[in-house]
Structures are given as C-alpha cells and as structure tokens.
Amino acid sequence: MYTCPRCKKETISWKKKYLAGLWLTIGCDNCEAKLSATPILLGLLHVVYAWNIAWFFSLYYFQRDPTYFVYMVVIWGILDALNVHYIPLSVMKKEERT
C-alpha cells in the first residue's frame, strides 16, 4: 500500500499506483482526493520508455539477434518498478464552479 499525499494514510493499492503511472487519475479511498502521478517526472520517465524501445529495436534491426527483445522486456519491467515505487503522487485541484 502507498500513502495518499492528502490524508497521509496508506490507502493507495499497487494497482492504482501503477495506473497513475500510465497517465490516469486515481482516487483515495479514505479522503476521496483525486490523485495523479507527478507529470514532469512521469514525462521524463516516458522518454526513457521510448528510448528503451528505439534502442533495442534498432539493435535487433541491425544485428538480427532476438535476445534484444528479451533485454527490452527486462528493462521495461525495471522501468515499471521504478515508476510504481519512486514517482510521487500529486493531489489534483478541484474545479471551481462559478
């Protein structure tokens, strides 16, 4: 379980934290806060995801060695683990109605 940045209680499940890393919004079960992953850090991490695909696909293309796809999957898993454990959550502001 992960800590909600608003109520400071461990109410965010692994699945919700993973979905936040896919640019989705999630909610806290305790305080009903609308949460997202920190966009700047998430954007930087997704650049590394794109680099991972481009790098290992180009290595496969030029050397015709399918083990590069295995490397790509392993690095992708490591990036997902980093995404879930180290990208902090942010509380989204409520829409103000006039």
PDB file of N, CA and C in Angstrom:
ATOM      1  N   MET A   1       0.833  -1.178   0.000  1.00  0.00           N
ATOM      2  CA  MET A   1       0.000   0.000   0.000  1.00  0.00           C
ATOM      3  C   MET A   1       0.887   1.255   0.000  1.00  0.00           C
ATOM      4  N   TYR A   2       0.384   2.281  -0.657  1.00  0.00           N
ATOM      5  CA  TYR A   2       1.107   3.546  -0.777  1.00  0.00           C
ATOM      6  C   TYR A   2       0.329   4.649  -0.072  1.00  0.00           C
ATOM      7  N   THR A   3       1.037   5.676   0.348  1.00  0.00           N
ATOM      8  CA  THR A   3       0.462   6.751   1.145  1.00  0.00           C
ATOM      9  C   THR A   3      -0.194   7.803   0.259  1.00  0.00           C
ATOM     10  N   CYS A   4      -1.385   8.207   0.651  1.00  0.00           N
ATOM     11  CA  CYS A   4      -2.088   9.296  -0.018  1.00  0.00           C
ATOM     12  C   CYS A   4      -1.419  10.609   0.385  1.00  0.00           C
ATOM     13  N   PRO A   5      -1.104  11.489  -0.584  1.00  0.00           N
ATOM     14  CA  PRO A   5      -0.450  12.746  -0.211  1.00  0.00           C
ATOM     15  C   PRO A   5      -1.352  13.720   0.534  1.00  0.00           C
ATOM     16  N   ARG A   6      -2.661  13.545   0.469  1.00  0.00           N
ATOM     17  CA  ARG A   6      -3.551  14.463   1.182  1.00  0.00           C
ATOM     18  C   ARG A   6      -3.812  14.000   2.619  1.00  0.00           C
ATOM     19  N   CYS A   7      -4.312  12.776   2.801  1.00  0.00           N
ATOM     20  CA  CYS A   7      -4.683  12.331   4.155  1.00  0.00           C
ATOM     21  C   CYS A   7      -3.558  11.588   4.882  1.00  0.00           C
ATOM     22  N   LYS A   8      -2.448  11.301   4.184  1.00  0.00           N
ATOM     23  CA  LYS A   8      -1.267  10.654   4.768  1.00  0.00           C
ATOM     24  C   LYS A   8      -1.551   9.264   5.313  1.00  0.00           C
ATOM     25  N   LYS A   9      -2.547   8.565   4.748  1.00  0.00           N
ATOM     26  CA  LYS A   9      -2.840   7.194   5.150  1.00  0.00           C
ATOM     27  C   LYS A   9      -2.518   6.269   3.989  1.00  0.00           C
ATOM     28  N   GLU A  10      -2.158   5.047   4.305  1.00  0.00           N
ATOM     29  CA  GLU A  10      -1.804   4.072   3.279  1.00  0.00           C
ATOM     30  C   GLU A  10      -3.077   3.458   2.693  1.00  0.00           C
ATOM     31  N   THR A  11      -3.636   4.126   1.693  1.00  0.00           N
ATOM     32  CA  THR A  11      -4.884   3.671   1.087  1.00  0.00           C
ATOM     33  C   THR A  11      -4.765   3.422  -0.407  1.00  0.00           C
ATOM     34  N   ILE A  12      -3.604   3.666  -1.005  1.00  0.00           N
ATOM     35  CA  ILE A  12      -3.436   3.504  -2.441  1.00  0.00           C
ATOM     36  C   ILE A  12      -2.853   2.124  -2.716  1.00  0.00           C
ATOM     37  N   SER A  13      -3.567   1.323  -3.480  1.00  0.00           N
ATOM     38  CA  SER A  13      -3.102  -0.026  -3.793  1.00  0.00           C
ATOM     39  C   SER A  13      -2.038   0.011  -4.885  1.00  0.00           C
ATOM     40  N   TRP A  14      -1.345  -1.105  -5.054  1.00  0.00           N
ATOM     41  CA  TRP A  14      -0.321  -1.211  -6.093  1.00  0.00           C
ATOM     42  C   TRP A  14      -0.941  -1.004  -7.465  1.00  0.00           C
ATOM     43  N   LYS A  15      -2.111  -1.561  -7.689  1.00  0.00           N
ATOM     44  CA  LYS A  15      -2.767  -1.439  -8.993  1.00  0.00           C
ATOM     45  C   LYS A  15      -3.091   0.024  -9.305  1.00  0.00           C
ATOM     46  N   LYS A  16      -3.619   0.745  -8.322  1.00  0.00           N
ATOM     47  CA  LYS A  16      -3.933   2.161  -8.539  1.00  0.00           C
ATOM     48  C   LYS A  16      -2.665   2.973  -8.804  1.00  0.00           C
ATOM     49  N   LYS A  17      -1.600   2.688  -8.068  1.00  0.00           N
ATOM     50  CA  LYS A  17      -0.335   3.407  -8.265  1.00  0.00           C
ATOM     51  C   LYS A  17       0.226   3.121  -9.652  1.00  0.00           C
ATOM     52  N   TYR A  18       0.089   1.878 -10.119  1.00  0.00           N
ATOM     53  CA  TYR A  18       0.543   1.520 -11.461  1.00  0.00           C
ATOM     54  C   TYR A  18      -0.284   2.258 -12.518  1.00  0.00           C
ATOM     55  N   LEU A  19      -1.589   2.338 -12.318  1.00  0.00           N
ATOM     56  CA  LEU A  19      -2.442   3.046 -13.266  1.00  0.00           C
ATOM     57  C   LEU A  19      -2.129   4.540 -13.302  1.00  0.00           C
ATOM     58  N   ALA A  20      -1.734   5.100 -12.181  1.00  0.00           N
ATOM     59  CA  ALA A  20      -1.333   6.512 -12.154  1.00  0.00           C
ATOM     60  C   ALA A  20      -0.092   6.728 -13.009  1.00  0.00           C
ATOM     61  N   GLY A  21       0.772   5.716 -13.073  1.00  0.00           N
ATOM     62  CA  GLY A  21       1.959   5.798 -13.906  1.00  0.00           C
ATOM     63  C   GLY A  21       1.667   5.691 -15.386  1.00  0.00           C
ATOM     64  N   LEU A  22       0.439   5.373 -15.737  1.00  0.00           N
ATOM     65  CA  LEU A  22       0.008   5.304 -17.141  1.00  0.00           C
ATOM     66  C   LEU A  22      -0.809   6.529 -17.512  1.00  0.00           C
ATOM     67  N   TRP A  23      -0.592   7.634 -16.828  1.00  0.00           N
ATOM     68  CA  TRP A  23      -1.252   8.923 -17.067  1.00  0.00           C
ATOM     69  C   TRP A  23      -2.748   8.889 -16.755  1.00  0.00           C
ATOM     70  N   LEU A  24      -3.178   8.026 -15.853  1.00  0.00           N
ATOM     71  CA  LEU A  24      -4.574   8.003 -15.435  1.00  0.00           C
ATOM     72  C   LEU A  24      -4.702   8.657 -14.065  1.00  0.00           C
ATOM     73  N   THR A  25      -5.888   9.172 -13.773  1.00  0.00           N
ATOM     74  CA  THR A  25      -6.141   9.718 -12.442  1.00  0.00           C
ATOM     75  C   THR A  25      -6.731   8.615 -11.575  1.00  0.00           C
ATOM     76  N   ILE A  26      -6.398   8.671 -10.299  1.00  0.00           N
ATOM     77  CA  ILE A  26      -6.891   7.693  -9.345  1.00  0.00           C
ATOM     78  C   ILE A  26      -7.504   8.434  -8.173  1.00  0.00           C
ATOM     79  N   GLY A  27      -8.175   7.706  -7.297  1.00  0.00           N
ATOM     80  CA  GLY A  27      -8.782   8.326  -6.128  1.00  0.00           C
ATOM     81  C   GLY A  27      -8.386   7.615  -4.855  1.00  0.00           C
ATOM     82  N   CYS A  28      -8.304   8.389  -3.792  1.00  0.00           N
ATOM     83  CA  CYS A  28      -8.027   7.831  -2.468  1.00  0.00           C
ATOM     84  C   CYS A  28      -9.332   7.292  -1.895  1.00  0.00           C
ATOM     85  N   ASP A  29      -9.284   6.104  -1.344  1.00  0.00           N
ATOM     86  CA  ASP A  29     -10.487   5.502  -0.771  1.00  0.00           C
ATOM     87  C   ASP A  29     -10.882   6.156   0.547  1.00  0.00           C
ATOM     88  N   ASN A  30      -9.951   6.797   1.230  1.00  0.00           N
ATOM     89  CA  ASN A  30     -10.227   7.394   2.527  1.00  0.00           C
ATOM     90  C   ASN A  30     -10.773   8.823   2.401  1.00  0.00           C
ATOM     91  N   CYS A  31     -10.034   9.704   1.725  1.00  0.00           N
ATOM     92  CA  CYS A  31     -10.428  11.114   1.669  1.00  0.00           C
ATOM     93  C   CYS A  31     -11.032  11.517   0.325  1.00  0.00           C
ATOM     94  N   GLU A  32     -11.123  10.582  -0.600  1.00  0.00           N
ATOM     95  CA  GLU A  32     -11.701  10.795  -1.930  1.00  0.00           C
ATOM     96  C   GLU A  32     -10.972  11.879  -2.728  1.00  0.00           C
ATOM     97  N   ALA A  33      -9.678  12.048  -2.479  1.00  0.00           N
ATOM     98  CA  ALA A  33      -8.876  13.006  -3.237  1.00  0.00           C
ATOM     99  C   ALA A  33      -8.620  12.452  -4.631  1.00  0.00           C
ATOM    100  N   LYS A  34      -8.577  13.338  -5.598  1.00  0.00           N
ATOM    101  CA  LYS A  34      -8.255  12.962  -6.966  1.00  0.00           C
ATOM    102  C   LYS A  34      -6.742  13.097  -7.119  1.00  0.00           C
ATOM    103  N   LEU A  35      -6.064  11.999  -7.471  1.00  0.00           N
ATOM    104  CA  LEU A  35      -4.612  11.960  -7.496  1.00  0.00           C
ATOM    105  C   LEU A  35      -4.096  11.623  -8.888  1.00  0.00           C
ATOM    106  N   SER A  36      -2.890  12.077  -9.157  1.00  0.00           N
ATOM    107  CA  SER A  36      -2.192  11.691 -10.381  1.00  0.00           C
ATOM    108  C   SER A  36      -0.705  11.602 -10.060  1.00  0.00           C
ATOM    109  N   ALA A  37       0.045  10.949 -10.940  1.00  0.00           N
ATOM    110  CA  ALA A  37       1.494  10.924 -10.780  1.00  0.00           C
ATOM    111  C   ALA A  37       2.039  12.307 -11.148  1.00  0.00           C
ATOM    112  N   THR A  38       3.149  12.688 -10.567  1.00  0.00           N
ATOM    113  CA  THR A  38       3.747  13.988 -10.848  1.00  0.00           C
ATOM    114  C   THR A  38       4.095  14.058 -12.337  1.00  0.00           C
ATOM    115  N   PRO A  39       3.457  14.977 -13.079  1.00  0.00           N
ATOM    116  CA  PRO A  39       3.553  14.958 -14.540  1.00  0.00           C
ATOM    117  C   PRO A  39       4.954  15.165 -15.110  1.00  0.00           C
ATOM    118  N   ILE A  40       5.759  16.027 -14.520  1.00  0.00           N
ATOM    119  CA  ILE A  40       7.089  16.293 -15.084  1.00  0.00           C
ATOM    120  C   ILE A  40       7.963  15.050 -14.973  1.00  0.00           C
ATOM    121  N   LEU A  41       7.975  14.422 -13.805  1.00  0.00           N
ATOM    122  CA  LEU A  41       8.779  13.213 -13.637  1.00  0.00           C
ATOM    123  C   LEU A  41       8.246  12.075 -14.490  1.00  0.00           C
ATOM    124  N   LEU A  42       6.934  11.977 -14.590  1.00  0.00           N
ATOM    125  CA  LEU A  42       6.331  10.927 -15.401  1.00  0.00           C
ATOM    126  C   LEU A  42       6.665  11.128 -16.881  1.00  0.00           C
ATOM    127  N   GLY A  43       6.681  12.368 -17.326  1.00  0.00           N
ATOM    128  CA  GLY A  43       7.052  12.655 -18.710  1.00  0.00           C
ATOM    129  C   GLY A  43       8.492  12.264 -18.997  1.00  0.00           C
ATOM    130  N   LEU A  44       9.394  12.574 -18.060  1.00  0.00           N
ATOM    131  CA  LEU A  44      10.791  12.193 -18.235  1.00  0.00           C
ATOM    132  C   LEU A  44      10.956  10.681 -18.276  1.00  0.00           C
ATOM    133  N   LEU A  45      10.223   9.983 -17.425  1.00  0.00           N
ATOM    134  CA  LEU A  45      10.306   8.527 -17.421  1.00  0.00           C
ATOM    135  C   LEU A  45       9.778   7.939 -18.726  1.00  0.00           C
ATOM    136  N   HIS A  46       8.741   8.542 -19.288  1.00  0.00           N
ATOM    137  CA  HIS A  46       8.204   8.021 -20.540  1.00  0.00           C
ATOM    138  C   HIS A  46       9.133   8.290 -21.724  1.00  0.00           C
ATOM    139  N   VAL A  47       9.989   9.294 -21.618  1.00  0.00           N
ATOM    140  CA  VAL A  47      11.037   9.474 -22.623  1.00  0.00           C
ATOM    141  C   VAL A  47      12.009   8.289 -22.561  1.00  0.00           C
ATOM    142  N   VAL A  48      12.313   7.833 -21.347  1.00  0.00           N
ATOM    143  CA  VAL A  48      13.192   6.673 -21.193  1.00  0.00           C
ATOM    144  C   VAL A  48      12.504   5.414 -21.728  1.00  0.00           C
ATOM    145  N   TYR A  49      11.184   5.278 -21.536  1.00  0.00           N
ATOM    146  CA  TYR A  49      10.450   4.150 -22.129  1.00  0.00           C
ATOM    147  C   TYR A  49      10.615   4.162 -23.658  1.00  0.00           C
ATOM    148  N   ALA A  50      10.443   5.330 -24.270  1.00  0.00           N
ATOM    149  CA  ALA A  50      10.573   5.437 -25.728  1.00  0.00           C
ATOM    150  C   ALA A  50      12.002   5.130 -26.169  1.00  0.00           C
ATOM    151  N   TRP A  51      12.981   5.606 -25.400  1.00  0.00           N
ATOM    152  CA  TRP A  51      14.373   5.302 -25.716  1.00  0.00           C
ATOM    153  C   TRP A  51      14.614   3.801 -25.653  1.00  0.00           C
ATOM    154  N   ASN A  52      14.058   3.134 -24.649  1.00  0.00           N
ATOM    155  CA  ASN A  52      14.200   1.687 -24.488  1.00  0.00           C
ATOM    156  C   ASN A  52      13.712   0.964 -25.740  1.00  0.00           C
ATOM    157  N   ILE A  53      12.559   1.337 -26.223  1.00  0.00           N
ATOM    158  CA  ILE A  53      12.012   0.688 -27.417  1.00  0.00           C
ATOM    159  C   ILE A  53      12.881   0.986 -28.632  1.00  0.00           C
ATOM    160  N   ALA A  54      13.236   2.234 -28.845  1.00  0.00           N
ATOM    161  CA  ALA A  54      14.017   2.603 -30.022  1.00  0.00           C
ATOM    162  C   ALA A  54      15.402   1.955 -30.001  1.00  0.00           C
ATOM    163  N   TRP A  55      16.057   1.958 -28.850  1.00  0.00           N
ATOM    164  CA  TRP A  55      17.407   1.423 -28.750  1.00  0.00           C
ATOM    165  C   TRP A  55      17.442  -0.074 -29.039  1.00  0.00           C
ATOM    166  N   PHE A  56      16.615  -0.845 -28.341  1.00  0.00           N
ATOM    167  CA  PHE A  56      16.687  -2.294 -28.502  1.00  0.00           C
ATOM    168  C   PHE A  56      16.082  -2.756 -29.824  1.00  0.00           C
ATOM    169  N   PHE A  57      15.093  -2.052 -30.344  1.00  0.00           N
ATOM    170  CA  PHE A  57      14.571  -2.412 -31.652  1.00  0.00           C
ATOM    171  C   PHE A  57      15.610  -2.138 -32.737  1.00  0.00           C
ATOM    172  N   SER A  58      16.334  -1.023 -32.625  1.00  0.00           N
ATOM    173  CA  SER A  58      17.368  -0.746 -33.627  1.00  0.00           C
ATOM    174  C   SER A  58      18.521  -1.752 -33.523  1.00  0.00           C
ATOM    175  N   LEU A  59      18.884  -2.165 -32.313  1.00  0.00           N
ATOM    176  CA  LEU A  59      19.904  -3.209 -32.179  1.00  0.00           C
ATOM    177  C   LEU A  59      19.443  -4.508 -32.836  1.00  0.00           C
ATOM    178  N   TYR A  60      18.170  -4.855 -32.627  1.00  0.00           N
ATOM    179  CA  TYR A  60      17.646  -6.051 -33.287  1.00  0.00           C
ATOM    180  C   TYR A  60      17.665  -5.881 -34.811  1.00  0.00           C
ATOM    181  N   TYR A  61      17.269  -4.729 -35.283  1.00  0.00           N
ATOM    182  CA  TYR A  61      17.185  -4.484 -36.723  1.00  0.00           C
ATOM    183  C   TYR A  61      18.548  -4.627 -37.399  1.00  0.00           C
ATOM    184  N   PHE A  62      19.591  -4.105 -36.765  1.00  0.00           N
ATOM    185  CA  PHE A  62      20.910  -4.133 -37.391  1.00  0.00           C
ATOM    186  C   PHE A  62      21.666  -5.437 -37.139  1.00  0.00           C
ATOM    187  N   GLN A  63      21.398  -6.122 -36.041  1.00  0.00           N
ATOM    188  CA  GLN A  63      22.161  -7.324 -35.730  1.00  0.00           C
ATOM    189  C   GLN A  63      21.347  -8.607 -35.829  1.00  0.00           C
ATOM    190  N   ARG A  64      20.055  -8.507 -35.986  1.00  0.00           N
ATOM    191  CA  ARG A  64      19.157  -9.663 -36.137  1.00  0.00           C
ATOM    192  C   ARG A  64      19.306 -10.692 -35.007  1.00  0.00           C
ATOM    193  N   ASP A  65      19.441 -10.197 -33.803  1.00  0.00           N
ATOM    194  CA  ASP A  65      19.547 -11.067 -32.630  1.00  0.00           C
ATOM    195  C   ASP A  65      18.301 -10.868 -31.772  1.00  0.00           C
ATOM    196  N   PRO A  66      17.417 -11.896 -31.685  1.00  0.00           N
ATOM    197  CA  PRO A  66      16.163 -11.720 -30.942  1.00  0.00           C
ATOM    198  C   PRO A  66      16.331 -11.573 -29.430  1.00  0.00           C
ATOM    199  N   THR A  67      17.527 -11.796 -28.889  1.00  0.00           N
ATOM    200  CA  THR A  67      17.705 -11.606 -27.447  1.00  0.00           C
ATOM    201  C   THR A  67      17.550 -10.135 -27.047  1.00  0.00           C
ATOM    202  N   TYR A  68      17.677  -9.223 -28.018  1.00  0.00           N
ATOM    203  CA  TYR A  68      17.477  -7.807 -27.694  1.00  0.00           C
ATOM    204  C   TYR A  68      16.034  -7.528 -27.276  1.00  0.00           C
ATOM    205  N   PHE A  69      15.083  -8.319 -27.773  1.00  0.00           N
ATOM    206  CA  PHE A  69      13.702  -8.172 -27.318  1.00  0.00           C
ATOM    207  C   PHE A  69      13.565  -8.600 -25.863  1.00  0.00           C
ATOM    208  N   VAL A  70      14.320  -9.624 -25.463  1.00  0.00           N
ATOM    209  CA  VAL A  70      14.318 -10.042 -24.059  1.00  0.00           C
ATOM    210  C   VAL A  70      14.888  -8.925 -23.184  1.00  0.00           C
ATOM    211  N   TYR A  71      15.989  -8.318 -23.648  1.00  0.00           N
ATOM    212  CA  TYR A  71      16.564  -7.196 -22.908  1.00  0.00           C
ATOM    213  C   TYR A  71      15.561  -6.054 -22.785  1.00  0.00           C
ATOM    214  N   MET A  72      14.833  -5.797 -23.868  1.00  0.00           N
ATOM    215  CA  MET A  72      13.859  -4.717 -23.863  1.00  0.00           C
ATOM    216  C   MET A  72      12.762  -4.977 -22.826  1.00  0.00           C
ATOM    217  N   VAL A  73      12.297  -6.212 -22.746  1.00  0.00           N
ATOM    218  CA  VAL A  73      11.244  -6.565 -21.781  1.00  0.00           C
ATOM    219  C   VAL A  73      11.764  -6.450 -20.350  1.00  0.00           C
ATOM    220  N   VAL A  74      13.001  -6.865 -20.127  1.00  0.00           N
ATOM    221  CA  VAL A  74      13.580  -6.779 -18.780  1.00  0.00           C
ATOM    222  C   VAL A  74      13.729  -5.312 -18.357  1.00  0.00           C
ATOM    223  N   ILE A  75      14.261  -4.473 -19.251  1.00  0.00           N
ATOM    224  CA  ILE A  75      14.415  -3.053 -18.939  1.00  0.00           C
ATOM    225  C   ILE A  75      13.051  -2.405 -18.729  1.00  0.00           C
ATOM    226  N   TRP A  76      12.047  -2.807 -19.536  1.00  0.00           N
ATOM    227  CA  TRP A  76      10.692  -2.288 -19.374  1.00  0.00           C
ATOM    228  C   TRP A  76      10.159  -2.620 -17.977  1.00  0.00           C
ATOM    229  N   GLY A  77      10.386  -3.847 -17.514  1.00  0.00           N
ATOM    230  CA  GLY A  77       9.950  -4.233 -16.172  1.00  0.00           C
ATOM    231  C   GLY A  77      10.632  -3.418 -15.089  1.00  0.00           C
ATOM    232  N   ILE A  78      11.924  -3.157 -15.267  1.00  0.00           N
ATOM    233  CA  ILE A  78      12.650  -2.322 -14.302  1.00  0.00           C
ATOM    234  C   ILE A  78      12.090  -0.909 -14.295  1.00  0.00           C
ATOM    235  N   LEU A  79      11.801  -0.369 -15.475  1.00  0.00           N
ATOM    236  CA  LEU A  79      11.220   0.976 -15.541  1.00  0.00           C
ATOM    237  C   LEU A  79       9.840   1.020 -14.902  1.00  0.00           C
ATOM    238  N   ASP A  80       9.038  -0.026 -15.090  1.00  0.00           N
ATOM    239  CA  ASP A  80       7.730  -0.080 -14.428  1.00  0.00           C
ATOM    240  C   ASP A  80       7.880  -0.108 -12.911  1.00  0.00           C
ATOM    241  N   ALA A  81       8.855  -0.878 -12.418  1.00  0.00           N
ATOM    242  CA  ALA A  81       9.085  -0.932 -10.969  1.00  0.00           C
ATOM    243  C   ALA A  81       9.511   0.432 -10.443  1.00  0.00           C
ATOM    244  N   LEU A  82      10.404   1.115 -11.166  1.00  0.00           N
ATOM    245  CA  LEU A  82      10.809   2.460 -10.768  1.00  0.00           C
ATOM    246  C   LEU A  82       9.626   3.418 -10.791  1.00  0.00           C
ATOM    247  N   ASN A  83       8.778   3.264 -11.796  1.00  0.00           N
ATOM    248  CA  ASN A  83       7.595   4.110 -11.931  1.00  0.00           C
ATOM    249  C   ASN A  83       6.684   3.959 -10.713  1.00  0.00           C
ATOM    250  N   VAL A  84       6.413   2.730 -10.325  1.00  0.00           N
ATOM    251  CA  VAL A  84       5.488   2.490  -9.216  1.00  0.00           C
ATOM    252  C   VAL A  84       6.094   2.925  -7.881  1.00  0.00           C
ATOM    253  N   HIS A  85       7.352   2.652  -7.667  1.00  0.00           N
ATOM    254  CA  HIS A  85       7.932   2.902  -6.347  1.00  0.00           C
ATOM    255  C   HIS A  85       8.457   4.313  -6.135  1.00  0.00           C
ATOM    256  N   TYR A  86       8.883   5.000  -7.200  1.00  0.00           N
ATOM    257  CA  TYR A  86       9.571   6.270  -6.985  1.00  0.00           C
ATOM    258  C   TYR A  86       8.883   7.505  -7.562  1.00  0.00           C
ATOM    259  N   ILE A  87       7.910   7.368  -8.447  1.00  0.00           N
ATOM    260  CA  ILE A  87       7.220   8.549  -8.962  1.00  0.00           C
ATOM    261  C   ILE A  87       6.159   8.949  -7.930  1.00  0.00           C
ATOM    262  N   PRO A  88       6.268  10.141  -7.337  1.00  0.00           N
ATOM    263  CA  PRO A  88       5.322  10.536  -6.288  1.00  0.00           C
ATOM    264  C   PRO A  88       3.947  10.900  -6.853  1.00  0.00           C
ATOM    265  N   LEU A  89       2.948  10.783  -6.014  1.00  0.00           N
ATOM    266  CA  LEU A  89       1.593  11.179  -6.373  1.00  0.00           C
ATOM    267  C   LEU A  89       1.373  12.642  -6.021  1.00  0.00           C
ATOM    268  N   SER A  90       0.515  13.284  -6.785  1.00  0.00           N
ATOM    269  CA  SER A  90       0.150  14.676  -6.536  1.00  0.00           C
ATOM    270  C   SER A  90      -1.362  14.777  -6.422  1.00  0.00           C
ATOM    271  N   VAL A  91      -1.814  15.674  -5.560  1.00  0.00           N
ATOM    272  CA  VAL A  91      -3.245  15.924  -5.411  1.00  0.00           C
ATOM    273  C   VAL A  91      -3.662  16.906  -6.498  1.00  0.00           C
ATOM    274  N   MET A  92      -4.726  16.575  -7.211  1.00  0.00           N
ATOM    275  CA  MET A  92      -5.241  17.455  -8.247  1.00  0.00           C
ATOM    276  C   MET A  92      -6.209  18.448  -7.611  1.00  0.00           C
ATOM    277  N   LYS A  93      -6.195  19.665  -8.107  1.00  0.00           N
ATOM    278  CA  LYS A  93      -7.092  20.690  -7.576  1.00  0.00           C
ATOM    279  C   LYS A  93      -8.519  20.422  -8.013  1.00  0.00           C
ATOM    280  N   LYS A  94      -9.443  20.804  -7.156  1.00  0.00           N
ATOM    281  CA  LYS A  94     -10.853  20.711  -7.504  1.00  0.00           C
ATOM    282  C   LYS A  94     -11.204  21.811  -8.490  1.00  0.00           C
ATOM    283  N   GLU A  95     -12.134  21.488  -9.384  1.00  0.00           N
ATOM    284  CA  GLU A  95     -12.598  22.507 -10.328  1.00  0.00           C
ATOM    285  C   GLU A  95     -13.473  23.502  -9.576  1.00  0.00           C
ATOM    286  N   GLU A  96     -13.206  24.774  -9.784  1.00  0.00           N
ATOM    287  CA  GLU A  96     -14.026  25.791  -9.153  1.00  0.00           C
ATOM    288  C   GLU A  96     -15.157  26.156 -10.102  1.00  0.00           C
ATOM    289  N   ARG A  97     -16.370  26.106  -9.602  1.00  0.00           N
ATOM    290  CA  ARG A  97     -17.528  26.433 -10.426  1.00  0.00           C
ATOM    291  C   ARG A  97     -17.974  27.850 -10.111  1.00  0.00           C
ATOM    292  N   THR A  98     -18.316  28.571 -11.153  1.00  0.00           N
ATOM    293  CA  THR A  98     -18.763  29.956 -10.949  1.00  0.00           C
ATOM    294  C   THR A  98     -20.258  30.098 -11.110  1.00  0.00           C
TER     295      THR A  98
END
